[in-house]
Amino acid sequence: MPGTELQKAVDDGSFELPDRWGMLQELMWMLEEMEGYRGPFHANHASNYLPLKLRLPRDRQTALEMLRAVLAERDESRLIPEWARRL
């Protein structure tokens, strides 16, 4: 948002958004640290490159395996394309 501290940091170069792979890496790190969490986990907004709708802990390992595979392969065809992210 214009006029915010974050916008100023973007403008001066002290903050840079991660690329698609960085965002997926952050999502994986988040799930890795959520061991023991019980309940829903949704990362299925239209802006997500790889939408997830999980029930933890049941779906945690499957989601981590999928994220690891996508990050290793770097196959963009598995991701939501930029035009479909509605940003």
PDB file of N, CA and C in Angstrom:
ATOM      1  N   MET A   1       0.841  -1.173   0.000  1.00  0.00           N
ATOM      2  CA  MET A   1       0.000   0.000   0.000  1.00  0.00           C
ATOM      3  C   MET A   1       0.892   1.245   0.000  1.00  0.00           C
ATOM      4  N   PRO A   2       0.582   2.175  -0.863  1.00  0.00           N
ATOM      5  CA  PRO A   2       1.358   3.415  -0.900  1.00  0.00           C
ATOM      6  C   PRO A   2       1.353   4.111   0.459  1.00  0.00           C
ATOM      7  N   GLY A   3       2.507   4.647   0.833  1.00  0.00           N
ATOM      8  CA  GLY A   3       2.623   5.398   2.073  1.00  0.00           C
ATOM      9  C   GLY A   3       2.935   4.561   3.297  1.00  0.00           C
ATOM     10  N   THR A   4       2.994   3.243   3.162  1.00  0.00           N
ATOM     11  CA  THR A   4       3.289   2.381   4.306  1.00  0.00           C
ATOM     12  C   THR A   4       4.795   2.180   4.450  1.00  0.00           C
ATOM     13  N   GLU A   5       5.207   1.738   5.626  1.00  0.00           N
ATOM     14  CA  GLU A   5       6.618   1.443   5.860  1.00  0.00           C
ATOM     15  C   GLU A   5       7.108   0.354   4.907  1.00  0.00           C
ATOM     16  N   LEU A   6       6.272  -0.637   4.655  1.00  0.00           N
ATOM     17  CA  LEU A   6       6.684  -1.711   3.752  1.00  0.00           C
ATOM     18  C   LEU A   6       6.885  -1.180   2.334  1.00  0.00           C
ATOM     19  N   GLN A   7       6.022  -0.297   1.884  1.00  0.00           N
ATOM     20  CA  GLN A   7       6.191   0.284   0.555  1.00  0.00           C
ATOM     21  C   GLN A   7       7.482   1.086   0.476  1.00  0.00           C
ATOM     22  N   LYS A   8       7.803   1.808   1.543  1.00  0.00           N
ATOM     23  CA  LYS A   8       9.065   2.559   1.569  1.00  0.00           C
ATOM     24  C   LYS A   8      10.255   1.599   1.483  1.00  0.00           C
ATOM     25  N   ALA A   9      10.177   0.476   2.180  1.00  0.00           N
ATOM     26  CA  ALA A   9      11.265  -0.510   2.147  1.00  0.00           C
ATOM     27  C   ALA A   9      11.400  -1.133   0.764  1.00  0.00           C
ATOM     28  N   VAL A  10      10.286  -1.373   0.096  1.00  0.00           N
ATOM     29  CA  VAL A  10      10.339  -1.873  -1.279  1.00  0.00           C
ATOM     30  C   VAL A  10      10.986  -0.831  -2.171  1.00  0.00           C
ATOM     31  N   ASP A  11      10.559   0.418  -2.032  1.00  0.00           N
ATOM     32  CA  ASP A  11      11.074   1.500  -2.869  1.00  0.00           C
ATOM     33  C   ASP A  11      12.571   1.724  -2.679  1.00  0.00           C
ATOM     34  N   ASP A  12      13.056   1.605  -1.432  1.00  0.00           N
ATOM     35  CA  ASP A  12      14.486   1.855  -1.202  1.00  0.00           C
ATOM     36  C   ASP A  12      15.339   0.593  -1.350  1.00  0.00           C
ATOM     37  N   GLY A  13      14.696  -0.523  -1.665  1.00  0.00           N
ATOM     38  CA  GLY A  13      15.435  -1.749  -1.930  1.00  0.00           C
ATOM     39  C   GLY A  13      15.806  -2.565  -0.706  1.00  0.00           C
ATOM     40  N   SER A  14      15.346  -2.144   0.479  1.00  0.00           N
ATOM     41  CA  SER A  14      15.688  -2.900   1.684  1.00  0.00           C
ATOM     42  C   SER A  14      14.756  -4.093   1.914  1.00  0.00           C
ATOM     43  N   PHE A  15      13.680  -4.182   1.139  1.00  0.00           N
ATOM     44  CA  PHE A  15      12.788  -5.335   1.186  1.00  0.00           C
ATOM     45  C   PHE A  15      12.476  -5.762  -0.241  1.00  0.00           C
ATOM     46  N   GLU A  16      12.612  -7.041  -0.484  1.00  0.00           N
ATOM     47  CA  GLU A  16      12.307  -7.576  -1.802  1.00  0.00           C
ATOM     48  C   GLU A  16      11.472  -8.847  -1.618  1.00  0.00           C
ATOM     49  N   LEU A  17      10.357  -8.901  -2.306  1.00  0.00           N
ATOM     50  CA  LEU A  17       9.529 -10.097  -2.238  1.00  0.00           C
ATOM     51  C   LEU A  17      10.286 -11.284  -2.830  1.00  0.00           C
ATOM     52  N   PRO A  18      10.129 -12.465  -2.239  1.00  0.00           N
ATOM     53  CA  PRO A  18      10.760 -13.641  -2.840  1.00  0.00           C
ATOM     54  C   PRO A  18      10.073 -13.999  -4.153  1.00  0.00           C
ATOM     55  N   ASP A  19      10.793 -14.714  -5.014  1.00  0.00           N
ATOM     56  CA  ASP A  19      10.176 -15.195  -6.247  1.00  0.00           C
ATOM     57  C   ASP A  19       9.266 -16.377  -5.927  1.00  0.00           C
ATOM     58  N   ARG A  20       8.665 -16.973  -6.943  1.00  0.00           N
ATOM     59  CA  ARG A  20       7.709 -18.075  -6.731  1.00  0.00           C
ATOM     60  C   ARG A  20       8.329 -19.223  -5.957  1.00  0.00           C
ATOM     61  N   TRP A  21       9.603 -19.523  -6.243  1.00  0.00           N
ATOM     62  CA  TRP A  21      10.260 -20.640  -5.557  1.00  0.00           C
ATOM     63  C   TRP A  21      10.552 -20.283  -4.108  1.00  0.00           C
ATOM     64  N   GLY A  22      10.899 -19.042  -3.867  1.00  0.00           N
ATOM     65  CA  GLY A  22      11.108 -18.587  -2.493  1.00  0.00           C
ATOM     66  C   GLY A  22       9.835 -18.633  -1.673  1.00  0.00           C
ATOM     67  N   MET A  23       8.722 -18.276  -2.301  1.00  0.00           N
ATOM     68  CA  MET A  23       7.435 -18.339  -1.590  1.00  0.00           C
ATOM     69  C   MET A  23       7.072 -19.781  -1.241  1.00  0.00           C
ATOM     70  N   LEU A  24       7.330 -20.695  -2.165  1.00  0.00           N
ATOM     71  CA  LEU A  24       7.052 -22.107  -1.887  1.00  0.00           C
ATOM     72  C   LEU A  24       7.993 -22.636  -0.808  1.00  0.00           C
ATOM     73  N   GLN A  25       9.239 -22.188  -0.823  1.00  0.00           N
ATOM     74  CA  GLN A  25      10.198 -22.585   0.215  1.00  0.00           C
ATOM     75  C   GLN A  25       9.718 -22.112   1.578  1.00  0.00           C
ATOM     76  N   GLU A  26       9.232 -20.883   1.659  1.00  0.00           N
ATOM     77  CA  GLU A  26       8.716 -20.353   2.927  1.00  0.00           C
ATOM     78  C   GLU A  26       7.504 -21.148   3.396  1.00  0.00           C
ATOM     79  N   LEU A  27       6.632 -21.521   2.473  1.00  0.00           N
ATOM     80  CA  LEU A  27       5.473 -22.333   2.819  1.00  0.00           C
ATOM     81  C   LEU A  27       5.917 -23.688   3.374  1.00  0.00           C
ATOM     82  N   MET A  28       6.935 -24.286   2.755  1.00  0.00           N
ATOM     83  CA  MET A  28       7.445 -25.561   3.231  1.00  0.00           C
ATOM     84  C   MET A  28       8.036 -25.406   4.633  1.00  0.00           C
ATOM     85  N   TRP A  29       8.843 -24.363   4.842  1.00  0.00           N
ATOM     86  CA  TRP A  29       9.421 -24.133   6.168  1.00  0.00           C
ATOM     87  C   TRP A  29       8.328 -23.974   7.219  1.00  0.00           C
ATOM     88  N   MET A  30       7.256 -23.264   6.866  1.00  0.00           N
ATOM     89  CA  MET A  30       6.160 -23.069   7.799  1.00  0.00           C
ATOM     90  C   MET A  30       5.545 -24.414   8.198  1.00  0.00           C
ATOM     91  N   LEU A  31       5.270 -25.252   7.200  1.00  0.00           N
ATOM     92  CA  LEU A  31       4.690 -26.566   7.492  1.00  0.00           C
ATOM     93  C   LEU A  31       5.648 -27.452   8.290  1.00  0.00           C
ATOM     94  N   GLU A  32       6.934 -27.338   7.999  1.00  0.00           N
ATOM     95  CA  GLU A  32       7.916 -28.127   8.756  1.00  0.00           C
ATOM     96  C   GLU A  32       7.893 -27.766  10.234  1.00  0.00           C
ATOM     97  N   GLU A  33       7.673 -26.501  10.538  1.00  0.00           N
ATOM     98  CA  GLU A  33       7.670 -26.036  11.919  1.00  0.00           C
ATOM     99  C   GLU A  33       6.334 -26.250  12.629  1.00  0.00           C
ATOM    100  N   MET A  34       5.330 -26.721  11.914  1.00  0.00           N
ATOM    101  CA  MET A  34       4.000 -26.877  12.498  1.00  0.00           C
ATOM    102  C   MET A  34       3.742 -28.292  13.016  1.00  0.00           C
ATOM    103  N   GLU A  35       4.805 -29.013  13.298  1.00  0.00           N
ATOM    104  CA  GLU A  35       4.637 -30.355  13.850  1.00  0.00           C
ATOM    105  C   GLU A  35       3.881 -30.246  15.170  1.00  0.00           C
ATOM    106  N   GLY A  36       2.878 -31.058  15.318  1.00  0.00           N
ATOM    107  CA  GLY A  36       2.059 -31.024  16.523  1.00  0.00           C
ATOM    108  C   GLY A  36       0.810 -30.162  16.396  1.00  0.00           C
ATOM    109  N   TYR A  37       0.764 -29.297  15.375  1.00  0.00           N
ATOM    110  CA  TYR A  37      -0.435 -28.479  15.170  1.00  0.00           C
ATOM    111  C   TYR A  37      -1.565 -29.361  14.672  1.00  0.00           C
ATOM    112  N   ARG A  38      -2.740 -29.149  15.217  1.00  0.00           N
ATOM    113  CA  ARG A  38      -3.916 -29.916  14.813  1.00  0.00           C
ATOM    114  C   ARG A  38      -4.986 -28.942  14.333  1.00  0.00           C
ATOM    115  N   GLY A  39      -5.475 -29.190  13.133  1.00  0.00           N
ATOM    116  CA  GLY A  39      -6.546 -28.347  12.622  1.00  0.00           C
ATOM    117  C   GLY A  39      -6.365 -28.045  11.154  1.00  0.00           C
ATOM    118  N   PRO A  40      -7.192 -27.162  10.637  1.00  0.00           N
ATOM    119  CA  PRO A  40      -7.113 -26.826   9.215  1.00  0.00           C
ATOM    120  C   PRO A  40      -5.933 -25.903   8.928  1.00  0.00           C
ATOM    121  N   PHE A  41      -5.390 -26.045   7.737  1.00  0.00           N
ATOM    122  CA  PHE A  41      -4.331 -25.160   7.239  1.00  0.00           C
ATOM    123  C   PHE A  41      -4.681 -24.839   5.804  1.00  0.00           C
ATOM    124  N   HIS A  42      -4.962 -23.571   5.543  1.00  0.00           N
ATOM    125  CA  HIS A  42      -5.351 -23.165   4.197  1.00  0.00           C
ATOM    126  C   HIS A  42      -4.343 -22.164   3.646  1.00  0.00           C
ATOM    127  N   ALA A  43      -3.791 -22.501   2.509  1.00  0.00           N
ATOM    128  CA  ALA A  43      -2.952 -21.585   1.740  1.00  0.00           C
ATOM    129  C   ALA A  43      -3.487 -21.666   0.315  1.00  0.00           C
ATOM    130  N   ASN A  44      -4.785 -21.414   0.190  1.00  0.00           N
ATOM    131  CA  ASN A  44      -5.450 -21.637  -1.094  1.00  0.00           C
ATOM    132  C   ASN A  44      -6.050 -20.369  -1.691  1.00  0.00           C
ATOM    133  N   HIS A  45      -5.481 -19.236  -1.345  1.00  0.00           N
ATOM    134  CA  HIS A  45      -5.906 -17.984  -1.954  1.00  0.00           C
ATOM    135  C   HIS A  45      -5.506 -18.004  -3.430  1.00  0.00           C
ATOM    136  N   ALA A  46      -6.215 -17.289  -4.243  1.00  0.00           N
ATOM    137  CA  ALA A  46      -5.925 -17.245  -5.685  1.00  0.00           C
ATOM    138  C   ALA A  46      -4.493 -16.809  -5.973  1.00  0.00           C
ATOM    139  N   SER A  47      -3.886 -16.062  -5.073  1.00  0.00           N
ATOM    140  CA  SER A  47      -2.531 -15.578  -5.306  1.00  0.00           C
ATOM    141  C   SER A  47      -1.455 -16.629  -5.044  1.00  0.00           C
ATOM    142  N   ASN A  48      -1.806 -17.736  -4.409  1.00  0.00           N
ATOM    143  CA  ASN A  48      -0.816 -18.776  -4.119  1.00  0.00           C
ATOM    144  C   ASN A  48      -0.415 -19.514  -5.395  1.00  0.00           C
ATOM    145  N   TYR A  49       0.870 -19.790  -5.511  1.00  0.00           N
ATOM    146  CA  TYR A  49       1.368 -20.527  -6.677  1.00  0.00           C
ATOM    147  C   TYR A  49       0.978 -22.004  -6.632  1.00  0.00           C
ATOM    148  N   LEU A  50       0.825 -22.544  -5.439  1.00  0.00           N
ATOM    149  CA  LEU A  50       0.475 -23.941  -5.263  1.00  0.00           C
ATOM    150  C   LEU A  50      -0.539 -24.007  -4.125  1.00  0.00           C
ATOM    151  N   PRO A  51      -1.827 -23.847  -4.438  1.00  0.00           N
ATOM    152  CA  PRO A  51      -2.841 -23.790  -3.391  1.00  0.00           C
ATOM    153  C   PRO A  51      -2.892 -25.082  -2.568  1.00  0.00           C
ATOM    154  N   LEU A  52      -2.984 -24.904  -1.246  1.00  0.00           N
ATOM    155  CA  LEU A  52      -3.086 -26.038  -0.333  1.00  0.00           C
ATOM    156  C   LEU A  52      -4.277 -25.853   0.589  1.00  0.00           C
ATOM    157  N   LYS A  53      -5.011 -26.915   0.784  1.00  0.00           N
ATOM    158  CA  LYS A  53      -6.096 -26.945   1.766  1.00  0.00           C
ATOM    159  C   LYS A  53      -5.892 -28.257   2.511  1.00  0.00           C
ATOM    160  N   LEU A  54      -5.353 -28.147   3.725  1.00  0.00           N
ATOM    161  CA  LEU A  54      -4.904 -29.319   4.461  1.00  0.00           C
ATOM    162  C   LEU A  54      -5.624 -29.470   5.792  1.00  0.00           C
ATOM    163  N   ARG A  55      -5.602 -30.681   6.275  1.00  0.00           N
ATOM    164  CA  ARG A  55      -6.035 -30.995   7.631  1.00  0.00           C
ATOM    165  C   ARG A  55      -4.796 -31.546   8.324  1.00  0.00           C
ATOM    166  N   LEU A  56      -4.321 -30.821   9.326  1.00  0.00           N
ATOM    167  CA  LEU A  56      -3.101 -31.236  10.024  1.00  0.00           C
ATOM    168  C   LEU A  56      -3.455 -31.942  11.323  1.00  0.00           C
ATOM    169  N   PRO A  57      -2.724 -32.946  11.688  1.00  0.00           N
ATOM    170  CA  PRO A  57      -1.459 -33.399  11.122  1.00  0.00           C
ATOM    171  C   PRO A  57      -1.603 -34.386   9.958  1.00  0.00           C
ATOM    172  N   ARG A  58      -2.807 -34.830   9.676  1.00  0.00           N
ATOM    173  CA  ARG A  58      -3.033 -35.881   8.676  1.00  0.00           C
ATOM    174  C   ARG A  58      -2.345 -35.603   7.341  1.00  0.00           C
ATOM    175  N   ASP A  59      -2.454 -34.388   6.800  1.00  0.00           N
ATOM    176  CA  ASP A  59      -1.975 -34.080   5.448  1.00  0.00           C
ATOM    177  C   ASP A  59      -0.572 -33.477   5.411  1.00  0.00           C
ATOM    178  N   ARG A  60       0.047 -33.297   6.565  1.00  0.00           N
ATOM    179  CA  ARG A  60       1.323 -32.580   6.643  1.00  0.00           C
ATOM    180  C   ARG A  60       2.421 -33.256   5.821  1.00  0.00           C
ATOM    181  N   GLN A  61       2.667 -34.531   6.014  1.00  0.00           N
ATOM    182  CA  GLN A  61       3.753 -35.212   5.310  1.00  0.00           C
ATOM    183  C   GLN A  61       3.532 -35.223   3.801  1.00  0.00           C
ATOM    184  N   THR A  62       2.308 -35.470   3.369  1.00  0.00           N
ATOM    185  CA  THR A  62       2.002 -35.472   1.938  1.00  0.00           C
ATOM    186  C   THR A  62       2.281 -34.105   1.324  1.00  0.00           C
ATOM    187  N   ALA A  63       1.874 -33.048   2.020  1.00  0.00           N
ATOM    188  CA  ALA A  63       2.098 -31.692   1.521  1.00  0.00           C
ATOM    189  C   ALA A  63       3.589 -31.376   1.481  1.00  0.00           C
ATOM    190  N   LEU A  64       4.334 -31.773   2.509  1.00  0.00           N
ATOM    191  CA  LEU A  64       5.782 -31.532   2.520  1.00  0.00           C
ATOM    192  C   LEU A  64       6.468 -32.272   1.382  1.00  0.00           C
ATOM    193  N   GLU A  65       6.072 -33.496   1.138  1.00  0.00           N
ATOM    194  CA  GLU A  65       6.656 -34.264   0.030  1.00  0.00           C
ATOM    195  C   GLU A  65       6.371 -33.591  -1.313  1.00  0.00           C
ATOM    196  N   MET A  66       5.134 -33.105  -1.480  1.00  0.00           N
ATOM    197  CA  MET A  66       4.776 -32.423  -2.720  1.00  0.00           C
ATOM    198  C   MET A  66       5.593 -31.138  -2.883  1.00  0.00           C
ATOM    199  N   LEU A  67       5.710 -30.352  -1.825  1.00  0.00           N
ATOM    200  CA  LEU A  67       6.486 -29.114  -1.899  1.00  0.00           C
ATOM    201  C   LEU A  67       7.955 -29.402  -2.200  1.00  0.00           C
ATOM    202  N   ARG A  68       8.520 -30.408  -1.569  1.00  0.00           N
ATOM    203  CA  ARG A  68       9.918 -30.766  -1.843  1.00  0.00           C
ATOM    204  C   ARG A  68      10.097 -31.159  -3.307  1.00  0.00           C
ATOM    205  N   ALA A  69       9.153 -31.940  -3.845  1.00  0.00           N
ATOM    206  CA  ALA A  69       9.242 -32.368  -5.242  1.00  0.00           C
ATOM    207  C   ALA A  69       9.128 -31.180  -6.191  1.00  0.00           C
ATOM    208  N   VAL A  70       8.170 -30.311  -5.941  1.00  0.00           N
ATOM    209  CA  VAL A  70       7.982 -29.137  -6.802  1.00  0.00           C
ATOM    210  C   VAL A  70       9.219 -28.244  -6.754  1.00  0.00           C
ATOM    211  N   LEU A  71       9.789 -28.050  -5.577  1.00  0.00           N
ATOM    212  CA  LEU A  71      10.984 -27.216  -5.455  1.00  0.00           C
ATOM    213  C   LEU A  71      12.193 -27.866  -6.132  1.00  0.00           C
ATOM    214  N   ALA A  72      12.294 -29.174  -6.062  1.00  0.00           N
ATOM    215  CA  ALA A  72      13.424 -29.865  -6.695  1.00  0.00           C
ATOM    216  C   ALA A  72      13.317 -29.843  -8.216  1.00  0.00           C
ATOM    217  N   GLU A  73      12.103 -30.028  -8.716  1.00  0.00           N
ATOM    218  CA  GLU A  73      11.887 -30.103 -10.168  1.00  0.00           C
ATOM    219  C   GLU A  73      11.859 -28.736 -10.838  1.00  0.00           C
ATOM    220  N   ARG A  74      11.383 -27.733 -10.117  1.00  0.00           N
ATOM    221  CA  ARG A  74      11.202 -26.383 -10.671  1.00  0.00           C
ATOM    222  C   ARG A  74      10.373 -26.424 -11.957  1.00  0.00           C
ATOM    223  N   ASP A  75       9.349 -27.258 -11.935  1.00  0.00           N
ATOM    224  CA  ASP A  75       8.464 -27.417 -13.089  1.00  0.00           C
ATOM    225  C   ASP A  75       7.318 -26.409 -12.967  1.00  0.00           C
ATOM    226  N   GLU A  76       7.409 -25.337 -13.733  1.00  0.00           N
ATOM    227  CA  GLU A  76       6.404 -24.273 -13.633  1.00  0.00           C
ATOM    228  C   GLU A  76       5.017 -24.720 -14.048  1.00  0.00           C
ATOM    229  N   SER A  77       4.916 -25.811 -14.791  1.00  0.00           N
ATOM    230  CA  SER A  77       3.600 -26.298 -15.210  1.00  0.00           C
ATOM    231  C   SER A  77       2.783 -26.804 -14.026  1.00  0.00           C
ATOM    232  N   ARG A  78       3.417 -27.053 -12.890  1.00  0.00           N
ATOM    233  CA  ARG A  78       2.714 -27.507 -11.685  1.00  0.00           C
ATOM    234  C   ARG A  78       2.179 -26.343 -10.862  1.00  0.00           C
ATOM    235  N   LEU A  79       2.538 -25.120 -11.263  1.00  0.00           N
ATOM    236  CA  LEU A  79       2.144 -23.932 -10.505  1.00  0.00           C
ATOM    237  C   LEU A  79       0.999 -23.199 -11.196  1.00  0.00           C
ATOM    238  N   ILE A  80       0.294 -22.412 -10.409  1.00  0.00           N
ATOM    239  CA  ILE A  80      -0.727 -21.525 -10.961  1.00  0.00           C
ATOM    240  C   ILE A  80       0.012 -20.465 -11.790  1.00  0.00           C
ATOM    241  N   PRO A  81      -0.380 -20.263 -13.050  1.00  0.00           N
ATOM    242  CA  PRO A  81       0.317 -19.252 -13.872  1.00  0.00           C
ATOM    243  C   PRO A  81       0.070 -17.835 -13.347  1.00  0.00           C
ATOM    244  N   GLU A  82       0.997 -16.958 -13.646  1.00  0.00           N
ATOM    245  CA  GLU A  82       0.899 -15.568 -13.175  1.00  0.00           C
ATOM    246  C   GLU A  82      -0.449 -14.942 -13.510  1.00  0.00           C
ATOM    247  N   TRP A  83      -0.922 -15.113 -14.739  1.00  0.00           N
ATOM    248  CA  TRP A  83      -2.163 -14.449 -15.147  1.00  0.00           C
ATOM    249  C   TRP A  83      -3.362 -14.938 -14.324  1.00  0.00           C
ATOM    250  N   ALA A  84      -3.300 -16.136 -13.776  1.00  0.00           N
ATOM    251  CA  ALA A  84      -4.423 -16.694 -13.015  1.00  0.00           C
ATOM    252  C   ALA A  84      -4.369 -16.361 -11.527  1.00  0.00           C
ATOM    253  N   ARG A  85      -3.293 -15.706 -11.086  1.00  0.00           N
ATOM    254  CA  ARG A  85      -3.141 -15.403  -9.662  1.00  0.00           C
ATOM    255  C   ARG A  85      -3.913 -14.155  -9.253  1.00  0.00           C
ATOM    256  N   ARG A  86      -4.457 -13.436 -10.203  1.00  0.00           N
ATOM    257  CA  ARG A  86      -5.344 -12.290  -9.951  1.00  0.00           C
ATOM    258  C   ARG A  86      -4.711 -11.188  -9.114  1.00  0.00           C
ATOM    259  N   LEU A  87      -3.443 -10.924  -9.379  1.00  0.00           N
ATOM    260  CA  LEU A  87      -2.779  -9.850  -8.644  1.00  0.00           C
ATOM    261  C   LEU A  87      -2.687  -8.589  -9.489  1.00  0.00           C
TER     262      LEU A  87
END
